[in-house]
Amino acid sequence: MPYDPDLHGPRVLGPGFNERVFEIVRSVPRGRVTTFGDVAEALGWKRAARQVGRAMAALPGTDSDVPWQRVVLSSGSVPCGPRQAKLLRAEGVAVRASGQVARFRELRWRPG
């Protein structure tokens, strides 16, 4: 199947993409979680979940004001292991030993 920009979106998301991702993630309420796909959809790019992940990975160190720990996989699992689980627990989000957010459907917050 050939590349179709109407179906797949743009190949390059352009300058400012990361900052727009960070802006949405900053709006996730404490004690709630969202997914990479939810953030991508809020940006108008349904299929850009991986690019959202890349933006999150580009956060500058631990001094960031972006609550990265609130972004999880669409399955409700934490992708960054014990550190992310610890930060979420500190916000009142129960994370099972398996890395799954307990009550994920209830706690899932969808931007916009």
C-alpha atoms as a PDB file:
ATOM      1  CA  MET A   1       0.000   0.000   0.000  1.00  0.00           C
ATOM      2  CA  PRO A   2       1.555   3.329  -1.011  1.00  0.00           C
ATOM      3  CA  TYR A   3       1.987   6.153   1.469  1.00  0.00           C
ATOM      4  CA  ASP A   4      -1.196   8.228   1.683  1.00  0.00           C
ATOM      5  CA  PRO A   5      -0.791  11.462   3.712  1.00  0.00           C
ATOM      6  CA  ASP A   6      -4.564  11.717   4.208  1.00  0.00           C
ATOM      7  CA  LEU A   7      -4.625   8.281   5.799  1.00  0.00           C
ATOM      8  CA  HIS A   8      -1.267   8.248   7.578  1.00  0.00           C
ATOM      9  CA  GLY A   9      -0.698  11.915   8.349  1.00  0.00           C
ATOM     10  CA  PRO A  10       2.476  13.814   7.606  1.00  0.00           C
ATOM     11  CA  ARG A  11       5.813  12.043   7.691  1.00  0.00           C
ATOM     12  CA  VAL A  12       7.417  14.924   9.547  1.00  0.00           C
ATOM     13  CA  LEU A  13       5.447  16.558  12.322  1.00  0.00           C
ATOM     14  CA  GLY A  14       7.498  19.716  12.205  1.00  0.00           C
ATOM     15  CA  PRO A  15       9.003  22.210  14.596  1.00  0.00           C
ATOM     16  CA  GLY A  16       7.174  22.816  17.832  1.00  0.00           C
ATOM     17  CA  PHE A  17       5.741  19.308  18.022  1.00  0.00           C
ATOM     18  CA  ASN A  18       7.556  18.382  21.230  1.00  0.00           C
ATOM     19  CA  GLU A  19       6.474  21.569  22.988  1.00  0.00           C
ATOM     20  CA  ARG A  20       2.840  20.944  22.024  1.00  0.00           C
ATOM     21  CA  VAL A  21       3.149  17.420  23.455  1.00  0.00           C
ATOM     22  CA  PHE A  22       4.608  18.820  26.686  1.00  0.00           C
ATOM     23  CA  GLU A  23       1.815  21.392  26.919  1.00  0.00           C
ATOM     24  CA  ILE A  24      -0.847  18.676  26.790  1.00  0.00           C
ATOM     25  CA  VAL A  25       0.984  16.462  29.277  1.00  0.00           C
ATOM     26  CA  ARG A  26       1.254  19.405  31.690  1.00  0.00           C
ATOM     27  CA  SER A  27      -2.557  19.563  31.674  1.00  0.00           C
ATOM     28  CA  VAL A  28      -3.030  15.964  32.866  1.00  0.00           C
ATOM     29  CA  PRO A  29      -4.478  16.243  36.382  1.00  0.00           C
ATOM     30  CA  ARG A  30      -2.554  14.860  39.333  1.00  0.00           C
ATOM     31  CA  GLY A  31      -3.755  11.353  40.173  1.00  0.00           C
ATOM     32  CA  ARG A  32      -4.838  10.650  36.572  1.00  0.00           C
ATOM     33  CA  VAL A  33      -3.099   9.079  33.578  1.00  0.00           C
ATOM     34  CA  THR A  34      -3.306   9.427  29.823  1.00  0.00           C
ATOM     35  CA  THR A  35      -1.802   7.474  26.949  1.00  0.00           C
ATOM     36  CA  PHE A  36       0.620   8.320  24.173  1.00  0.00           C
ATOM     37  CA  GLY A  37      -2.233   7.793  21.728  1.00  0.00           C
ATOM     38  CA  ASP A  38      -4.565  10.095  23.668  1.00  0.00           C
ATOM     39  CA  VAL A  39      -1.972  12.863  23.481  1.00  0.00           C
ATOM     40  CA  ALA A  40      -1.451  12.241  19.760  1.00  0.00           C
ATOM     41  CA  GLU A  41      -5.192  12.385  19.145  1.00  0.00           C
ATOM     42  CA  ALA A  42      -5.477  15.644  21.099  1.00  0.00           C
ATOM     43  CA  LEU A  43      -2.853  17.080  18.755  1.00  0.00           C
ATOM     44  CA  GLY A  44      -4.911  15.993  15.757  1.00  0.00           C
ATOM     45  CA  TRP A  45      -2.527  13.182  14.797  1.00  0.00           C
ATOM     46  CA  LYS A  46      -4.264   9.922  15.774  1.00  0.00           C
ATOM     47  CA  ARG A  47      -1.418   7.796  14.464  1.00  0.00           C
ATOM     48  CA  ALA A  48       1.434   9.724  16.065  1.00  0.00           C
ATOM     49  CA  ALA A  49       1.670   7.870  19.391  1.00  0.00           C
ATOM     50  CA  ARG A  50       5.264   6.840  18.693  1.00  0.00           C
ATOM     51  CA  GLN A  51       6.222  10.420  17.938  1.00  0.00           C
ATOM     52  CA  VAL A  52       4.649  11.430  21.257  1.00  0.00           C
ATOM     53  CA  GLY A  53       6.841   8.791  22.899  1.00  0.00           C
ATOM     54  CA  ARG A  54       9.902  10.236  21.192  1.00  0.00           C
ATOM     55  CA  ALA A  55       8.970  13.707  22.393  1.00  0.00           C
ATOM     56  CA  MET A  56       8.602  12.407  25.944  1.00  0.00           C
ATOM     57  CA  ALA A  57      11.993  10.700  25.693  1.00  0.00           C
ATOM     58  CA  ALA A  58      13.488  14.055  24.666  1.00  0.00           C
ATOM     59  CA  LEU A  59      12.514  15.754  27.935  1.00  0.00           C
ATOM     60  CA  PRO A  60      15.483  17.621  29.377  1.00  0.00           C
ATOM     61  CA  GLY A  61      16.580  15.719  32.494  1.00  0.00           C
ATOM     62  CA  THR A  62      14.784  15.462  35.808  1.00  0.00           C
ATOM     63  CA  ASP A  63      14.248  19.205  36.249  1.00  0.00           C
ATOM     64  CA  SER A  64      11.346  19.264  33.810  1.00  0.00           C
ATOM     65  CA  ASP A  65       7.939  20.574  34.830  1.00  0.00           C
ATOM     66  CA  VAL A  66       6.295  18.030  32.510  1.00  0.00           C
ATOM     67  CA  PRO A  67       4.673  15.219  34.553  1.00  0.00           C
ATOM     68  CA  TRP A  68       5.933  12.500  32.203  1.00  0.00           C
ATOM     69  CA  GLN A  69       4.973   9.746  34.646  1.00  0.00           C
ATOM     70  CA  ARG A  70       1.285  10.336  33.864  1.00  0.00           C
ATOM     71  CA  VAL A  71       1.672   9.021  30.308  1.00  0.00           C
ATOM     72  CA  VAL A  72       1.238   5.258  30.039  1.00  0.00           C
ATOM     73  CA  LEU A  73       0.662   2.660  27.354  1.00  0.00           C
ATOM     74  CA  SER A  74      -2.840   2.125  25.955  1.00  0.00           C
ATOM     75  CA  SER A  75      -2.945  -1.160  27.888  1.00  0.00           C
ATOM     76  CA  GLY A  76      -2.554   0.788  31.137  1.00  0.00           C
ATOM     77  CA  SER A  77       1.000  -0.430  31.720  1.00  0.00           C
ATOM     78  CA  VAL A  78       3.802   1.873  32.786  1.00  0.00           C
ATOM     79  CA  PRO A  79       6.544   1.846  30.130  1.00  0.00           C
ATOM     80  CA  CYS A  80       9.318   3.224  32.361  1.00  0.00           C
ATOM     81  CA  GLY A  81       9.272   0.664  35.144  1.00  0.00           C
ATOM     82  CA  PRO A  82       9.683   1.132  38.890  1.00  0.00           C
ATOM     83  CA  ARG A  83      10.626   4.822  38.802  1.00  0.00           C
ATOM     84  CA  GLN A  84       7.439   5.744  36.967  1.00  0.00           C
ATOM     85  CA  ALA A  85       5.353   3.476  39.187  1.00  0.00           C
ATOM     86  CA  LYS A  86       6.832   5.117  42.293  1.00  0.00           C
ATOM     87  CA  LEU A  87       6.018   8.623  41.022  1.00  0.00           C
ATOM     88  CA  LEU A  88       2.463   7.599  40.146  1.00  0.00           C
ATOM     89  CA  ARG A  89       1.951   5.976  43.557  1.00  0.00           C
ATOM     90  CA  ALA A  90       3.103   9.229  45.178  1.00  0.00           C
ATOM     91  CA  GLU A  91       0.209  10.905  43.339  1.00  0.00           C
ATOM     92  CA  GLY A  92      -2.287   8.338  44.598  1.00  0.00           C
ATOM     93  CA  VAL A  93      -2.365   6.152  41.485  1.00  0.00           C
ATOM     94  CA  ALA A  94      -2.229   2.473  42.388  1.00  0.00           C
ATOM     95  CA  VAL A  95       0.207   0.536  40.216  1.00  0.00           C
ATOM     96  CA  ARG A  96       0.293  -3.244  40.528  1.00  0.00           C
ATOM     97  CA  ALA A  97       3.573  -5.145  40.850  1.00  0.00           C
ATOM     98  CA  SER A  98       3.073  -6.156  37.197  1.00  0.00           C
ATOM     99  CA  GLY A  99       3.326  -2.477  36.195  1.00  0.00           C
ATOM    100  CA  GLN A 100      -0.359  -2.176  35.354  1.00  0.00           C
ATOM    101  CA  VAL A 101      -2.260   0.904  36.547  1.00  0.00           C
ATOM    102  CA  ALA A 102      -5.099  -0.307  38.777  1.00  0.00           C
ATOM    103  CA  ARG A 103      -8.502   1.084  37.770  1.00  0.00           C
ATOM    104  CA  PHE A 104      -6.932   2.296  34.511  1.00  0.00           C
ATOM    105  CA  ARG A 105     -10.278   2.901  32.797  1.00  0.00           C
ATOM    106  CA  GLU A 106     -11.454   5.088  35.682  1.00  0.00           C
ATOM    107  CA  LEU A 107      -8.218   7.049  35.941  1.00  0.00           C
ATOM    108  CA  ARG A 108      -7.656   7.532  32.232  1.00  0.00           C
ATOM    109  CA  TRP A 109      -7.877  11.185  31.292  1.00  0.00           C
ATOM    110  CA  ARG A 110      -8.403  12.201  27.694  1.00  0.00           C
ATOM    111  CA  PRO A 111      -7.229  15.675  26.751  1.00  0.00           C
ATOM    112  CA  GLY A 112      -9.542  18.070  25.007  1.00  0.00           C
END
